[in-house]
Amino acid sequence: MDQEKLIKRITFDPKILGGKPIVRGRRLAVEHILGMLAAGDTSEQILQGYPWLELDDIQACLVYAHRIISHERIENIPTDSSQVA
């Protein structure tokens, strides 16, 4: 499935989880899926825990995260406290 179709699986609703990005209008935040993946859960384990979830939903979360992070810019922040004014 192409990225444009995948990204449509990520929705926002101010009445659900305070407007955080969610999967297909459900009460499952993108950050939750990403957290599970970061913790080492496999897609298969996640799908077992959420029977309504589809593999494309997990892929959509990754596409969404990639799009967000690709626009992030990091400023040069001094790590030595003696450089802080």
C-alpha atoms as a PDB file:
ATOM      1  CA  MET A   1       0.000   0.000   0.000  1.00  0.00           C
ATOM      2  CA  ASP A   2       1.387   3.423  -0.836  1.00  0.00           C
ATOM      3  CA  GLN A   3       2.187   5.957   1.862  1.00  0.00           C
ATOM      4  CA  GLU A   4      -0.661   8.315   0.969  1.00  0.00           C
ATOM      5  CA  LYS A   5      -3.215   5.554   1.522  1.00  0.00           C
ATOM      6  CA  LEU A   6      -1.499   4.447   4.715  1.00  0.00           C
ATOM      7  CA  ILE A   7      -1.385   7.923   6.236  1.00  0.00           C
ATOM      8  CA  LYS A   8      -5.171   8.233   5.864  1.00  0.00           C
ATOM      9  CA  ARG A   9      -5.450   5.536   8.551  1.00  0.00           C
ATOM     10  CA  ILE A  10      -4.089   8.055  11.058  1.00  0.00           C
ATOM     11  CA  THR A  11      -6.821  10.384  12.258  1.00  0.00           C
ATOM     12  CA  PHE A  12      -7.357  13.104  14.842  1.00  0.00           C
ATOM     13  CA  ASP A  13     -10.417  13.738  16.985  1.00  0.00           C
ATOM     14  CA  PRO A  14     -10.337  16.305  19.791  1.00  0.00           C
ATOM     15  CA  LYS A  15     -12.831  14.128  21.703  1.00  0.00           C
ATOM     16  CA  ILE A  16     -10.526  11.101  21.641  1.00  0.00           C
ATOM     17  CA  LEU A  17      -7.276  11.137  23.635  1.00  0.00           C
ATOM     18  CA  GLY A  18      -7.176  14.926  23.558  1.00  0.00           C
ATOM     19  CA  GLY A  19      -6.720  15.084  19.801  1.00  0.00           C
ATOM     20  CA  LYS A  20      -3.597  12.940  19.639  1.00  0.00           C
ATOM     21  CA  PRO A  21      -3.030  11.047  16.394  1.00  0.00           C
ATOM     22  CA  ILE A  22      -4.976   7.792  16.561  1.00  0.00           C
ATOM     23  CA  VAL A  23      -5.488   4.715  14.411  1.00  0.00           C
ATOM     24  CA  ARG A  24      -8.656   4.799  12.291  1.00  0.00           C
ATOM     25  CA  GLY A  25     -10.702   6.816  14.782  1.00  0.00           C
ATOM     26  CA  ARG A  26     -10.191   4.277  17.557  1.00  0.00           C
ATOM     27  CA  ARG A  27      -8.909   4.905  21.058  1.00  0.00           C
ATOM     28  CA  LEU A  28      -5.435   3.711  20.168  1.00  0.00           C
ATOM     29  CA  ALA A  29      -2.760   6.391  19.893  1.00  0.00           C
ATOM     30  CA  VAL A  30      -0.001   6.239  17.320  1.00  0.00           C
ATOM     31  CA  GLU A  31       2.466   6.846  20.156  1.00  0.00           C
ATOM     32  CA  HIS A  32       1.233   3.678  21.871  1.00  0.00           C
ATOM     33  CA  ILE A  33       1.944   1.550  18.807  1.00  0.00           C
ATOM     34  CA  LEU A  34       5.351   3.169  18.382  1.00  0.00           C
ATOM     35  CA  GLY A  35       6.107   2.595  22.049  1.00  0.00           C
ATOM     36  CA  MET A  36       5.289  -1.083  21.749  1.00  0.00           C
ATOM     37  CA  LEU A  37       7.538  -1.407  18.709  1.00  0.00           C
ATOM     38  CA  ALA A  38      10.316   0.490  20.510  1.00  0.00           C
ATOM     39  CA  ALA A  39       9.950  -1.877  23.464  1.00  0.00           C
ATOM     40  CA  GLY A  40      10.609  -4.810  21.166  1.00  0.00           C
ATOM     41  CA  ASP A  41       7.097  -6.061  20.523  1.00  0.00           C
ATOM     42  CA  THR A  42       6.656  -7.574  17.082  1.00  0.00           C
ATOM     43  CA  SER A  43       3.862  -6.628  14.718  1.00  0.00           C
ATOM     44  CA  GLU A  44       2.394 -10.083  15.314  1.00  0.00           C
ATOM     45  CA  GLN A  45       2.291  -9.505  19.082  1.00  0.00           C
ATOM     46  CA  ILE A  46       0.627  -6.133  18.639  1.00  0.00           C
ATOM     47  CA  LEU A  47      -1.955  -7.591  16.256  1.00  0.00           C
ATOM     48  CA  GLN A  48      -2.746 -10.331  18.790  1.00  0.00           C
ATOM     49  CA  GLY A  49      -3.376  -7.700  21.454  1.00  0.00           C
ATOM     50  CA  TYR A  50      -5.645  -5.632  19.208  1.00  0.00           C
ATOM     51  CA  PRO A  51      -7.702  -8.018  17.037  1.00  0.00           C
ATOM     52  CA  TRP A  52      -9.279  -5.174  15.048  1.00  0.00           C
ATOM     53  CA  LEU A  53      -5.859  -3.762  14.122  1.00  0.00           C
ATOM     54  CA  GLU A  54      -4.352  -4.504  10.714  1.00  0.00           C
ATOM     55  CA  LEU A  55      -0.728  -4.708   9.649  1.00  0.00           C
ATOM     56  CA  ASP A  56      -1.291  -1.634   7.469  1.00  0.00           C
ATOM     57  CA  ASP A  57      -2.260   0.298  10.622  1.00  0.00           C
ATOM     58  CA  ILE A  58       1.126  -0.442  12.166  1.00  0.00           C
ATOM     59  CA  GLN A  59       2.836   0.557   8.941  1.00  0.00           C
ATOM     60  CA  ALA A  60       0.770   3.762   8.911  1.00  0.00           C
ATOM     61  CA  CYS A  61       2.088   4.621  12.386  1.00  0.00           C
ATOM     62  CA  LEU A  62       5.636   4.241  11.107  1.00  0.00           C
ATOM     63  CA  VAL A  63       4.903   6.406   8.067  1.00  0.00           C
ATOM     64  CA  TYR A  64       3.357   9.056  10.325  1.00  0.00           C
ATOM     65  CA  ALA A  65       6.368   9.016  12.676  1.00  0.00           C
ATOM     66  CA  HIS A  66       8.748   9.293   9.742  1.00  0.00           C
ATOM     67  CA  ARG A  67       6.893  12.306   8.379  1.00  0.00           C
ATOM     68  CA  ILE A  68       6.935  14.039  11.754  1.00  0.00           C
ATOM     69  CA  ILE A  69      10.604  13.375  12.453  1.00  0.00           C
ATOM     70  CA  SER A  70      11.685  14.343   8.943  1.00  0.00           C
ATOM     71  CA  HIS A  71      10.589  17.934   9.689  1.00  0.00           C
ATOM     72  CA  GLU A  72      12.343  18.088  13.049  1.00  0.00           C
ATOM     73  CA  ARG A  73      15.327  20.370  13.412  1.00  0.00           C
ATOM     74  CA  ILE A  74      17.720  20.124  16.328  1.00  0.00           C
ATOM     75  CA  GLU A  75      19.441  23.238  17.553  1.00  0.00           C
ATOM     76  CA  ASN A  76      23.027  23.067  18.726  1.00  0.00           C
ATOM     77  CA  ILE A  77      22.567  22.921  22.483  1.00  0.00           C
ATOM     78  CA  PRO A  78      25.722  23.149  24.592  1.00  0.00           C
ATOM     79  CA  THR A  79      26.269  20.077  26.772  1.00  0.00           C
ATOM     80  CA  ASP A  80      28.851  21.743  29.006  1.00  0.00           C
ATOM     81  CA  SER A  81      27.013  23.768  31.670  1.00  0.00           C
ATOM     82  CA  SER A  82      29.872  26.283  31.773  1.00  0.00           C
ATOM     83  CA  GLN A  83      28.837  27.400  28.269  1.00  0.00           C
ATOM     84  CA  VAL A  84      25.332  28.339  29.386  1.00  0.00           C
ATOM     85  CA  ALA A  85      24.911  32.088  29.917  1.00  0.00           C
END
